[in-house]
C-alpha cells in the first residue's frame, strides 16, 4: 500500500509538472491529484515539493526513455529510427490535446542558473536520452565524435520541435524535424539510402 501511495504521488506530480511546470504546481495539488493526504506526501518526501519534483522528473525521464528506445529500435536504419521518434512524439502529443510535452522542459527552464536537485535531474534526463541516440548511431557505424554531436543535435531538435508543436497545436514541426534530422544522419552514413519517412 505504501509503495502504491508513493507511486501515485510521483505519477501525479509528473503529470502536473509536465503540464504546468514546477512554479505552477503546489504540494497540496499534488496530494489532491494523487488522492493522498498531505501528511503522506511529506512522509515519503520529507524534502517537500523539490523532493517530489525530483522523483517526478526521474519518473518522466524513464517514461520518455522507454518511448525513445522503442522508437529507435523500430528501424535498423538510424535515420528512419529518428523519423519514428518524431512520429511517435507527434502521436503522443496529439493524443494528449497538446498538453503532455517533454517531462523536463518546464522544470528545467524554471530552475536555470541554480544547482538544485531539479536542475540536476533534468540534466541527467537529457544525458540519458542522448546516450540512447548515441548508442543507436554507434551501432550503425558512425565514429564516436560524430555520433556524440549528432545525438546531442537530435535530442536538442526534438525538444525544440516538441515545444513548437505544442504552441502551434500541430504535428508539422515534429514531422519536419524528423525529415531534416534523417537527412543529417544520412549525410554521416551515406550507405543508408532508404527514403525518408513521412
N, C-alpha and C. Protein backbone atom coordinates (compact mmCIF):
# COMPACT_ATOMS: atom_id res chain seq x y z
N UNK A 1 0.84 -1.21 0.00
CA UNK A 1 0.00 0.00 0.00
C UNK A 1 0.87 1.26 0.00
N UNK A 2 1.97 1.22 0.81
CA UNK A 2 2.86 2.38 0.87
C UNK A 2 3.47 2.66 -0.49
N UNK A 3 3.97 1.60 -1.16
CA UNK A 3 4.56 1.78 -2.49
C UNK A 3 3.52 2.35 -3.45
N UNK A 4 2.30 1.84 -3.36
CA UNK A 4 1.24 2.31 -4.25
C UNK A 4 0.97 3.80 -4.02
N UNK A 5 0.92 4.21 -2.77
CA UNK A 5 0.69 5.62 -2.45
C UNK A 5 1.83 6.47 -2.97
N UNK A 6 3.06 6.05 -2.75
CA UNK A 6 4.23 6.80 -3.23
C UNK A 6 4.21 6.92 -4.76
N UNK A 7 3.88 5.81 -5.41
CA UNK A 7 3.83 5.83 -6.88
C UNK A 7 2.76 6.78 -7.38
N UNK A 8 1.62 6.79 -6.71
CA UNK A 8 0.55 7.71 -7.12
C UNK A 8 1.01 9.15 -6.99
N UNK A 9 1.71 9.44 -5.92
CA UNK A 9 2.22 10.80 -5.71
C UNK A 9 3.20 11.19 -6.81
N UNK A 10 4.11 10.28 -7.13
CA UNK A 10 5.13 10.56 -8.15
C UNK A 10 4.49 10.76 -9.53
N UNK A 11 3.57 9.86 -9.88
CA UNK A 11 2.91 9.95 -11.19
C UNK A 11 2.08 11.23 -11.29
N UNK A 12 1.34 11.56 -10.24
CA UNK A 12 0.53 12.78 -10.25
C UNK A 12 1.42 14.00 -10.39
N UNK A 13 2.52 14.03 -9.65
CA UNK A 13 3.44 15.16 -9.72
C UNK A 13 4.06 15.26 -11.10
N UNK A 14 4.40 14.13 -11.69
CA UNK A 14 5.00 14.13 -13.03
C UNK A 14 4.05 14.75 -14.05
N UNK A 15 2.77 14.38 -13.99
CA UNK A 15 1.79 14.91 -14.93
C UNK A 15 1.58 16.42 -14.73
N UNK A 16 1.52 16.82 -13.47
CA UNK A 16 1.30 18.24 -13.18
C UNK A 16 2.50 19.08 -13.62
N UNK A 17 3.70 18.61 -13.34
CA UNK A 17 4.90 19.33 -13.75
C UNK A 17 4.98 19.45 -15.27
N UNK A 18 4.60 18.36 -15.92
CA UNK A 18 4.63 18.33 -17.39
C UNK A 18 3.67 19.36 -17.98
N UNK A 19 2.55 19.55 -17.34
CA UNK A 19 1.50 20.41 -17.88
C UNK A 19 1.57 21.85 -17.40
N UNK A 20 2.05 22.06 -16.16
CA UNK A 20 2.00 23.43 -15.64
C UNK A 20 3.30 23.89 -14.99
N UNK A 21 4.35 23.08 -15.08
CA UNK A 21 5.65 23.50 -14.57
C UNK A 21 5.79 23.36 -13.06
N UNK A 22 7.00 23.62 -12.60
CA UNK A 22 7.31 23.50 -11.18
C UNK A 22 6.68 24.63 -10.37
N UNK A 23 6.85 25.84 -10.84
CA UNK A 23 6.33 27.00 -10.10
C UNK A 23 4.80 26.94 -9.99
N UNK A 24 4.14 26.47 -11.05
CA UNK A 24 2.69 26.44 -11.06
C UNK A 24 2.06 25.25 -10.36
N UNK A 25 2.89 24.37 -9.84
CA UNK A 25 2.38 23.16 -9.17
C UNK A 25 2.62 23.26 -7.67
N UNK A 26 1.54 23.09 -6.90
CA UNK A 26 1.65 23.15 -5.44
C UNK A 26 1.62 21.78 -4.82
N UNK A 27 2.17 21.67 -3.65
CA UNK A 27 2.23 20.39 -2.94
C UNK A 27 0.82 19.89 -2.59
N UNK A 28 -0.08 20.81 -2.27
CA UNK A 28 -1.46 20.41 -1.96
C UNK A 28 -2.16 19.86 -3.20
N UNK A 29 -1.88 20.47 -4.34
CA UNK A 29 -2.46 20.00 -5.60
C UNK A 29 -1.95 18.60 -5.93
N UNK A 30 -0.67 18.37 -5.68
CA UNK A 30 -0.09 17.04 -5.92
C UNK A 30 -0.80 16.01 -5.06
N UNK A 31 -0.98 16.33 -3.79
CA UNK A 31 -1.66 15.41 -2.87
C UNK A 31 -3.08 15.12 -3.34
N UNK A 32 -3.78 16.17 -3.74
CA UNK A 32 -5.17 16.00 -4.20
C UNK A 32 -5.23 15.13 -5.44
N UNK A 33 -4.36 15.41 -6.43
CA UNK A 33 -4.36 14.62 -7.67
C UNK A 33 -3.99 13.17 -7.42
N UNK A 34 -3.15 12.95 -6.42
CA UNK A 34 -2.70 11.58 -6.10
C UNK A 34 -3.68 10.86 -5.18
N UNK A 35 -4.72 11.58 -4.74
CA UNK A 35 -5.67 11.03 -3.77
C UNK A 35 -4.93 10.54 -2.54
N UNK A 36 -4.03 11.42 -2.07
CA UNK A 36 -3.22 11.12 -0.88
C UNK A 36 -3.34 12.29 0.08
N UNK A 37 -3.02 12.04 1.34
CA UNK A 37 -3.02 13.13 2.31
C UNK A 37 -1.73 13.92 2.20
N UNK A 38 -1.79 15.16 2.65
CA UNK A 38 -0.59 15.98 2.66
C UNK A 38 0.48 15.34 3.55
N UNK A 39 0.02 14.74 4.64
CA UNK A 39 0.95 14.07 5.54
C UNK A 39 1.69 12.93 4.88
N UNK A 40 0.99 12.18 4.00
CA UNK A 40 1.65 11.06 3.33
C UNK A 40 2.68 11.55 2.32
N UNK A 41 2.40 12.71 1.69
CA UNK A 41 3.38 13.28 0.76
C UNK A 41 4.67 13.60 1.50
N UNK A 42 4.53 14.24 2.66
CA UNK A 42 5.73 14.60 3.44
C UNK A 42 6.37 13.37 4.08
N UNK A 43 5.59 12.34 4.31
CA UNK A 43 6.14 11.09 4.84
C UNK A 43 7.12 10.48 3.83
N UNK A 44 6.68 10.40 2.58
CA UNK A 44 7.52 9.81 1.54
C UNK A 44 8.59 10.78 1.04
N UNK A 45 8.29 12.07 1.13
CA UNK A 45 9.21 13.09 0.62
C UNK A 45 9.42 14.18 1.67
N UNK A 46 10.26 13.88 2.67
CA UNK A 46 10.50 14.86 3.74
C UNK A 46 11.07 16.18 3.21
N UNK A 47 11.70 16.13 2.04
CA UNK A 47 12.26 17.34 1.44
C UNK A 47 11.22 18.23 0.80
N UNK A 48 9.95 17.84 0.86
CA UNK A 48 8.88 18.67 0.35
C UNK A 48 8.77 18.69 -1.17
N UNK A 49 8.31 19.81 -1.68
CA UNK A 49 7.98 19.93 -3.10
C UNK A 49 9.16 19.62 -4.01
N UNK A 50 10.35 20.11 -3.66
CA UNK A 50 11.50 19.85 -4.53
C UNK A 50 11.82 18.36 -4.60
N UNK A 51 11.72 17.67 -3.48
CA UNK A 51 11.99 16.23 -3.46
C UNK A 51 10.97 15.47 -4.30
N UNK A 52 9.71 15.86 -4.21
CA UNK A 52 8.67 15.24 -5.04
C UNK A 52 8.98 15.51 -6.52
N UNK A 53 9.36 16.75 -6.81
CA UNK A 53 9.63 17.13 -8.20
C UNK A 53 10.79 16.32 -8.79
N UNK A 54 11.84 16.11 -8.01
CA UNK A 54 12.98 15.33 -8.49
C UNK A 54 12.53 13.91 -8.83
N UNK A 55 11.76 13.29 -7.93
CA UNK A 55 11.26 11.93 -8.18
C UNK A 55 10.35 11.92 -9.41
N UNK A 56 9.55 12.96 -9.56
CA UNK A 56 8.63 13.04 -10.70
C UNK A 56 9.40 13.19 -12.01
N UNK A 57 10.43 14.01 -12.01
CA UNK A 57 11.25 14.20 -13.22
C UNK A 57 11.96 12.89 -13.57
N UNK A 58 12.45 12.19 -12.58
CA UNK A 58 13.11 10.90 -12.84
C UNK A 58 12.12 9.90 -13.43
N UNK A 59 10.89 9.93 -12.92
CA UNK A 59 9.84 9.06 -13.45
C UNK A 59 9.53 9.42 -14.91
N UNK A 60 9.34 10.73 -15.17
CA UNK A 60 9.06 11.17 -16.53
C UNK A 60 10.20 10.86 -17.47
N UNK A 61 11.42 10.98 -16.97
CA UNK A 61 12.60 10.67 -17.78
C UNK A 61 12.62 9.21 -18.20
N UNK A 62 12.28 8.33 -17.27
CA UNK A 62 12.24 6.88 -17.58
C UNK A 62 11.14 6.58 -18.60
N UNK A 63 9.99 7.22 -18.43
CA UNK A 63 8.89 7.02 -19.39
C UNK A 63 9.29 7.47 -20.79
N UNK A 64 9.91 8.66 -20.87
CA UNK A 64 10.33 9.19 -22.17
C UNK A 64 11.43 8.32 -22.77
N UNK A 65 12.32 7.84 -21.93
CA UNK A 65 13.39 6.96 -22.41
C UNK A 65 12.81 5.68 -23.00
N UNK A 66 11.75 5.17 -22.38
CA UNK A 66 11.11 3.97 -22.91
C UNK A 66 10.49 4.21 -24.27
N UNK A 67 9.84 5.35 -24.42
CA UNK A 67 9.25 5.73 -25.71
C UNK A 67 10.35 5.89 -26.76
N UNK A 68 11.42 6.57 -26.38
CA UNK A 68 12.53 6.83 -27.29
C UNK A 68 13.21 5.52 -27.71
N UNK A 69 13.44 4.66 -26.74
CA UNK A 69 14.09 3.37 -27.02
C UNK A 69 13.25 2.53 -27.97
N UNK A 70 11.95 2.50 -27.72
CA UNK A 70 11.05 1.72 -28.57
C UNK A 70 11.05 2.24 -30.01
N UNK A 71 11.03 3.57 -30.15
CA UNK A 71 11.05 4.17 -31.49
C UNK A 71 12.39 3.91 -32.18
N UNK A 72 13.47 4.05 -31.46
CA UNK A 72 14.80 3.83 -32.04
C UNK A 72 14.98 2.38 -32.47
N UNK A 73 14.39 1.46 -31.71
CA UNK A 73 14.51 0.04 -32.03
C UNK A 73 13.59 -0.40 -33.17
N UNK A 74 12.70 0.49 -33.60
CA UNK A 74 11.70 0.10 -34.60
C UNK A 74 12.27 0.07 -36.02
N UNK A 75 13.47 0.59 -36.22
CA UNK A 75 14.09 0.59 -37.55
C UNK A 75 15.58 0.39 -37.41
N UNK A 76 16.15 -0.41 -38.30
CA UNK A 76 17.60 -0.64 -38.26
C UNK A 76 18.35 0.60 -38.72
N UNK A 77 17.84 1.25 -39.75
CA UNK A 77 18.44 2.48 -40.28
C UNK A 77 18.25 3.59 -39.24
N UNK A 78 19.35 4.19 -38.75
CA UNK A 78 19.20 5.22 -37.71
C UNK A 78 18.41 6.44 -38.18
N UNK A 79 18.49 6.74 -39.48
CA UNK A 79 17.72 7.88 -40.00
C UNK A 79 16.22 7.59 -39.89
N UNK A 80 15.82 6.39 -40.27
CA UNK A 80 14.40 6.00 -40.15
C UNK A 80 13.99 5.92 -38.68
N UNK A 81 14.91 5.52 -37.82
CA UNK A 81 14.63 5.43 -36.39
C UNK A 81 14.33 6.81 -35.83
N UNK A 82 15.06 7.82 -36.28
CA UNK A 82 14.83 9.19 -35.82
C UNK A 82 13.46 9.68 -36.30
N UNK A 83 13.11 9.35 -37.54
CA UNK A 83 11.78 9.71 -38.06
C UNK A 83 10.70 9.04 -37.20
N UNK A 84 10.94 7.80 -36.82
CA UNK A 84 9.98 7.08 -35.98
C UNK A 84 9.81 7.79 -34.63
N UNK A 85 10.90 8.33 -34.10
CA UNK A 85 10.82 9.07 -32.83
C UNK A 85 9.92 10.29 -32.95
N UNK A 86 10.12 11.07 -34.01
CA UNK A 86 9.31 12.28 -34.16
C UNK A 86 7.84 11.93 -34.42
N UNK A 87 7.61 10.86 -35.16
CA UNK A 87 6.23 10.43 -35.42
C UNK A 87 5.55 10.00 -34.12
N UNK A 88 6.28 9.28 -33.30
CA UNK A 88 5.72 8.81 -32.03
C UNK A 88 5.43 9.98 -31.09
N UNK A 89 6.36 10.93 -31.03
CA UNK A 89 6.14 12.11 -30.19
C UNK A 89 4.93 12.91 -30.67
N UNK A 90 4.80 13.04 -31.98
CA UNK A 90 3.65 13.76 -32.54
C UNK A 90 2.35 13.06 -32.18
N UNK A 91 2.35 11.75 -32.27
CA UNK A 91 1.16 10.96 -31.94
C UNK A 91 0.78 11.13 -30.47
N UNK A 92 1.78 11.07 -29.58
CA UNK A 92 1.53 11.20 -28.14
C UNK A 92 1.03 12.61 -27.80
N UNK A 93 1.64 13.61 -28.41
CA UNK A 93 1.22 15.00 -28.15
C UNK A 93 -0.21 15.24 -28.59
N UNK A 94 -0.53 14.78 -29.79
CA UNK A 94 -1.89 14.96 -30.31
C UNK A 94 -2.90 14.27 -29.39
N UNK A 95 -2.57 13.06 -28.96
CA UNK A 95 -3.48 12.29 -28.10
C UNK A 95 -3.72 12.99 -26.77
N UNK A 96 -2.75 13.77 -26.30
CA UNK A 96 -2.90 14.45 -25.01
C UNK A 96 -3.55 15.82 -25.14
N UNK A 97 -3.95 16.17 -26.37
CA UNK A 97 -4.51 17.50 -26.58
C UNK A 97 -3.43 18.57 -26.53
N UNK A 98 -2.21 18.18 -26.88
CA UNK A 98 -1.05 19.08 -26.97
C UNK A 98 -0.59 19.57 -25.61
N UNK A 99 -0.91 18.83 -24.55
CA UNK A 99 -0.53 19.27 -23.20
C UNK A 99 0.67 18.51 -22.62
N UNK A 100 0.84 17.25 -22.99
CA UNK A 100 1.88 16.42 -22.37
C UNK A 100 3.15 16.40 -23.21
N UNK A 101 3.94 17.45 -23.07
CA UNK A 101 5.20 17.53 -23.81
C UNK A 101 6.33 16.87 -23.06
N UNK A 102 7.52 17.39 -23.28
CA UNK A 102 8.70 16.83 -22.63
C UNK A 102 8.55 16.89 -21.11
N UNK A 103 8.89 15.80 -20.42
CA UNK A 103 8.71 15.78 -18.97
C UNK A 103 9.70 16.63 -18.17
N UNK A 104 10.69 17.23 -18.83
CA UNK A 104 11.65 18.04 -18.09
C UNK A 104 11.70 19.51 -18.50
N UNK A 105 11.12 19.85 -19.65
CA UNK A 105 11.30 21.19 -20.21
C UNK A 105 10.91 22.30 -19.24
N UNK A 106 9.69 22.27 -18.75
CA UNK A 106 9.20 23.37 -17.90
C UNK A 106 10.04 23.51 -16.64
N UNK A 107 10.27 22.39 -15.96
CA UNK A 107 11.05 22.44 -14.72
C UNK A 107 12.49 22.89 -14.98
N UNK A 108 13.05 22.45 -16.10
CA UNK A 108 14.43 22.82 -16.43
C UNK A 108 14.54 24.33 -16.64
N UNK A 109 13.61 24.90 -17.39
CA UNK A 109 13.65 26.33 -17.67
C UNK A 109 13.41 27.17 -16.42
N UNK A 110 12.55 26.67 -15.54
CA UNK A 110 12.22 27.43 -14.32
C UNK A 110 13.34 27.41 -13.29
N UNK A 111 14.27 26.47 -13.42
CA UNK A 111 15.33 26.36 -12.41
C UNK A 111 16.71 26.66 -12.99
N UNK A 112 16.75 27.27 -14.17
CA UNK A 112 18.04 27.63 -14.78
C UNK A 112 18.85 28.51 -13.84
N UNK A 113 20.16 28.28 -13.84
CA UNK A 113 21.04 29.10 -13.01
C UNK A 113 21.13 28.65 -11.57
N UNK A 114 20.45 27.57 -11.24
CA UNK A 114 20.51 27.04 -9.88
C UNK A 114 21.26 25.71 -9.89
N UNK A 115 21.66 25.29 -8.71
CA UNK A 115 22.30 23.98 -8.58
C UNK A 115 21.36 23.04 -7.82
N UNK A 116 20.08 23.21 -8.09
CA UNK A 116 19.07 22.44 -7.37
C UNK A 116 19.03 20.99 -7.83
N UNK A 117 18.41 20.17 -7.00
CA UNK A 117 18.22 18.77 -7.38
C UNK A 117 17.38 18.64 -8.63
N UNK A 118 16.47 19.59 -8.84
CA UNK A 118 15.63 19.58 -10.03
C UNK A 118 16.48 19.78 -11.28
N UNK A 119 17.35 20.77 -11.26
CA UNK A 119 18.21 21.04 -12.40
C UNK A 119 19.12 19.84 -12.70
N UNK A 120 19.62 19.23 -11.65
CA UNK A 120 20.47 18.05 -11.81
C UNK A 120 19.70 16.88 -12.42
N UNK A 121 18.46 16.69 -11.97
CA UNK A 121 17.63 15.61 -12.51
C UNK A 121 17.31 15.85 -13.98
N UNK A 122 17.07 17.10 -14.34
CA UNK A 122 16.79 17.44 -15.75
C UNK A 122 18.02 17.18 -16.61
N UNK A 123 19.18 17.59 -16.12
CA UNK A 123 20.42 17.39 -16.88
C UNK A 123 20.69 15.89 -17.06
N UNK A 124 20.45 15.13 -16.02
CA UNK A 124 20.67 13.68 -16.10
C UNK A 124 19.71 13.04 -17.10
N UNK A 125 18.48 13.52 -17.14
CA UNK A 125 17.49 13.00 -18.09
C UNK A 125 17.96 13.25 -19.52
N UNK A 126 18.39 14.46 -19.81
CA UNK A 126 18.85 14.79 -21.16
C UNK A 126 20.07 13.95 -21.55
N UNK A 127 20.99 13.77 -20.61
CA UNK A 127 22.17 12.94 -20.90
C UNK A 127 21.77 11.50 -21.20
N UNK A 128 20.81 10.99 -20.45
CA UNK A 128 20.35 9.63 -20.68
C UNK A 128 19.72 9.45 -22.04
N UNK A 129 18.91 10.41 -22.46
CA UNK A 129 18.27 10.33 -23.78
C UNK A 129 19.31 10.44 -24.89
N UNK A 130 20.28 11.33 -24.70
CA UNK A 130 21.36 11.44 -25.70
C UNK A 130 22.11 10.12 -25.82
N UNK A 131 22.31 9.45 -24.70
CA UNK A 131 23.04 8.18 -24.72
C UNK A 131 22.30 7.13 -25.55
N UNK A 132 20.98 7.12 -25.46
CA UNK A 132 20.20 6.17 -26.25
C UNK A 132 20.41 6.40 -27.74
N UNK A 133 20.38 7.67 -28.16
CA UNK A 133 20.59 8.01 -29.57
C UNK A 133 22.04 7.71 -29.96
N UNK A 134 22.97 8.05 -29.08
CA UNK A 134 24.39 7.77 -29.34
C UNK A 134 24.62 6.29 -29.59
N UNK A 135 24.05 5.46 -28.75
CA UNK A 135 24.21 4.00 -28.90
C UNK A 135 23.70 3.53 -30.25
N UNK A 136 22.56 4.07 -30.67
CA UNK A 136 21.98 3.70 -31.98
C UNK A 136 22.93 4.09 -33.10
N UNK A 137 23.50 5.28 -33.03
CA UNK A 137 24.39 5.77 -34.08
C UNK A 137 25.71 4.99 -34.11
N UNK A 138 26.21 4.64 -32.95
CA UNK A 138 27.46 3.86 -32.89
C UNK A 138 27.26 2.48 -33.50
N UNK A 139 26.14 1.86 -33.19
CA UNK A 139 25.84 0.54 -33.76
C UNK A 139 25.75 0.62 -35.28
N UNK A 140 25.28 1.77 -35.78
CA UNK A 140 25.15 1.97 -37.23
C UNK A 140 26.50 2.24 -37.90
N UNK A 141 27.54 2.37 -37.11
CA UNK A 141 28.88 2.52 -37.68
C UNK A 141 29.43 3.93 -37.71
N UNK A 142 28.75 4.89 -37.11
CA UNK A 142 29.29 6.24 -37.08
C UNK A 142 30.45 6.32 -36.11
N UNK A 143 31.39 7.21 -36.38
CA UNK A 143 32.51 7.42 -35.47
C UNK A 143 32.04 8.05 -34.18
N UNK A 144 32.73 7.81 -33.07
CA UNK A 144 32.31 8.31 -31.76
C UNK A 144 32.09 9.82 -31.70
N UNK A 145 33.00 10.60 -32.27
CA UNK A 145 32.88 12.06 -32.19
C UNK A 145 31.64 12.55 -32.95
N UNK A 146 31.47 12.05 -34.18
CA UNK A 146 30.29 12.43 -34.97
C UNK A 146 29.01 11.96 -34.31
N UNK A 147 29.04 10.73 -33.80
CA UNK A 147 27.84 10.17 -33.18
C UNK A 147 27.44 10.97 -31.94
N UNK A 148 28.42 11.40 -31.17
CA UNK A 148 28.12 12.17 -29.96
C UNK A 148 27.48 13.51 -30.31
N UNK A 149 28.04 14.21 -31.29
CA UNK A 149 27.47 15.50 -31.68
C UNK A 149 26.08 15.34 -32.31
N UNK A 150 25.93 14.30 -33.12
CA UNK A 150 24.62 14.05 -33.74
C UNK A 150 23.57 13.71 -32.68
N UNK A 151 23.94 12.91 -31.69
CA UNK A 151 23.00 12.54 -30.63
C UNK A 151 22.53 13.78 -29.88
N UNK A 152 23.47 14.68 -29.59
CA UNK A 152 23.11 15.93 -28.92
C UNK A 152 22.19 16.77 -29.80
N UNK A 153 22.48 16.81 -31.09
CA UNK A 153 21.65 17.57 -32.03
C UNK A 153 20.25 16.99 -32.14
N UNK A 154 20.15 15.67 -32.18
CA UNK A 154 18.84 15.02 -32.27
C UNK A 154 17.98 15.37 -31.06
N UNK A 155 18.53 15.22 -29.87
CA UNK A 155 17.73 15.49 -28.67
C UNK A 155 17.37 16.97 -28.58
N UNK A 156 18.32 17.85 -28.88
CA UNK A 156 18.02 19.29 -28.85
C UNK A 156 16.92 19.65 -29.84
N UNK A 157 16.98 19.06 -31.01
CA UNK A 157 15.98 19.34 -32.04
C UNK A 157 14.61 18.78 -31.64
N UNK A 158 14.59 17.58 -31.09
CA UNK A 158 13.32 17.01 -30.63
C UNK A 158 12.69 17.89 -29.56
N UNK A 159 13.51 18.38 -28.63
CA UNK A 159 13.00 19.25 -27.57
C UNK A 159 12.34 20.51 -28.16
N UNK A 160 13.07 21.17 -29.05
CA UNK A 160 12.53 22.39 -29.66
C UNK A 160 11.31 22.14 -30.52
N UNK A 161 11.35 21.07 -31.29
CA UNK A 161 10.22 20.75 -32.16
C UNK A 161 8.97 20.41 -31.36
N UNK A 162 9.18 19.75 -30.23
CA UNK A 162 8.04 19.37 -29.39
C UNK A 162 7.35 20.60 -28.81
N UNK A 163 8.14 21.54 -28.33
CA UNK A 163 7.57 22.79 -27.79
C UNK A 163 6.84 23.56 -28.89
N UNK A 164 7.47 23.64 -30.07
CA UNK A 164 6.85 24.35 -31.19
C UNK A 164 5.54 23.68 -31.60
N UNK A 165 5.52 22.35 -31.60
CA UNK A 165 4.30 21.62 -31.93
C UNK A 165 3.19 21.91 -30.91
N UNK A 166 3.57 21.99 -29.63
CA UNK A 166 2.58 22.29 -28.60
C UNK A 166 2.00 23.69 -28.79
N UNK A 167 2.88 24.66 -29.02
CA UNK A 167 2.43 26.04 -29.17
C UNK A 167 1.49 26.17 -30.37
N UNK A 168 1.83 25.51 -31.47
CA UNK A 168 1.04 25.61 -32.70
C UNK A 168 -0.09 24.58 -32.77
N UNK A 169 -0.12 23.68 -31.79
CA UNK A 169 -1.11 22.60 -31.79
C UNK A 169 -1.13 21.88 -33.15
N UNK A 170 0.07 21.54 -33.58
CA UNK A 170 0.24 20.90 -34.88
C UNK A 170 1.43 19.96 -34.83
N UNK A 171 1.30 18.81 -35.48
CA UNK A 171 2.40 17.85 -35.55
C UNK A 171 3.44 18.22 -36.60
N UNK A 172 3.14 19.22 -37.42
CA UNK A 172 4.04 19.58 -38.53
C UNK A 172 5.48 19.86 -38.10
N UNK A 173 5.71 20.61 -37.00
CA UNK A 173 7.10 20.87 -36.62
C UNK A 173 7.88 19.59 -36.29
N UNK A 174 7.22 18.63 -35.70
CA UNK A 174 7.90 17.37 -35.38
C UNK A 174 8.18 16.56 -36.64
N UNK A 175 7.23 16.52 -37.55
CA UNK A 175 7.46 15.77 -38.80
C UNK A 175 8.57 16.43 -39.62
N UNK A 176 8.58 17.77 -39.67
CA UNK A 176 9.64 18.47 -40.39
C UNK A 176 11.00 18.20 -39.75
N UNK A 177 11.03 18.22 -38.42
CA UNK A 177 12.28 17.94 -37.71
C UNK A 177 12.76 16.52 -38.01
N UNK A 178 11.84 15.58 -38.06
CA UNK A 178 12.21 14.20 -38.37
C UNK A 178 12.83 14.07 -39.74
N UNK A 179 12.22 14.72 -40.72
CA UNK A 179 12.76 14.64 -42.08
C UNK A 179 14.15 15.26 -42.17
N UNK A 180 14.32 16.41 -41.54
CA UNK A 180 15.62 17.09 -41.62
C UNK A 180 16.70 16.35 -40.81
N UNK A 181 16.32 15.82 -39.66
CA UNK A 181 17.29 15.04 -38.88
C UNK A 181 17.70 13.78 -39.63
N UNK A 182 16.75 13.16 -40.32
CA UNK A 182 17.07 11.95 -41.09
C UNK A 182 18.08 12.28 -42.19
N UNK A 183 17.88 13.42 -42.86
CA UNK A 183 18.84 13.82 -43.90
C UNK A 183 20.22 14.07 -43.29
N UNK A 184 20.24 14.68 -42.12
CA UNK A 184 21.51 14.95 -41.46
C UNK A 184 22.21 13.64 -41.09
N UNK A 185 21.45 12.73 -40.50
CA UNK A 185 22.04 11.44 -40.11
C UNK A 185 22.57 10.71 -41.35
N UNK A 186 21.82 10.75 -42.44
CA UNK A 186 22.27 10.07 -43.66
C UNK A 186 23.52 10.70 -44.25
N UNK A 187 23.73 11.97 -44.00
CA UNK A 187 24.93 12.62 -44.53
C UNK A 187 26.18 12.07 -43.87
N UNK A 188 26.01 11.48 -42.69
CA UNK A 188 27.13 10.85 -42.00
C UNK A 188 27.19 9.35 -42.27
N UNK A 189 26.09 8.82 -42.76
CA UNK A 189 26.04 7.38 -43.05
C UNK A 189 25.47 7.19 -44.44
N UNK A 190 26.21 7.54 -45.51
CA UNK A 190 25.68 7.53 -46.87
C UNK A 190 25.25 6.15 -47.35
N UNK A 191 25.74 5.10 -46.69
CA UNK A 191 25.33 3.77 -47.14
C UNK A 191 23.87 3.49 -46.89
N UNK A 192 23.24 4.26 -45.97
CA UNK A 192 21.82 4.11 -45.69
C UNK A 192 21.07 4.95 -46.70
N UNK A 193 20.34 4.33 -47.62
CA UNK A 193 19.73 5.09 -48.70
C UNK A 193 18.22 4.93 -48.79
N UNK A 194 17.61 4.40 -47.74
CA UNK A 194 16.16 4.25 -47.77
C UNK A 194 15.51 5.62 -47.76
N UNK A 195 14.32 5.77 -48.37
CA UNK A 195 13.65 7.08 -48.39
C UNK A 195 13.26 7.53 -46.99
N UNK A 196 13.24 8.82 -46.79
CA UNK A 196 12.85 9.38 -45.51
C UNK A 196 11.34 9.18 -45.33
N UNK A 197 10.95 8.76 -44.13
CA UNK A 197 9.54 8.54 -43.86
C UNK A 197 8.78 9.83 -43.68
N UNK A 198 7.47 9.72 -43.68
CA UNK A 198 6.62 10.92 -43.53
C UNK A 198 6.62 11.36 -42.09
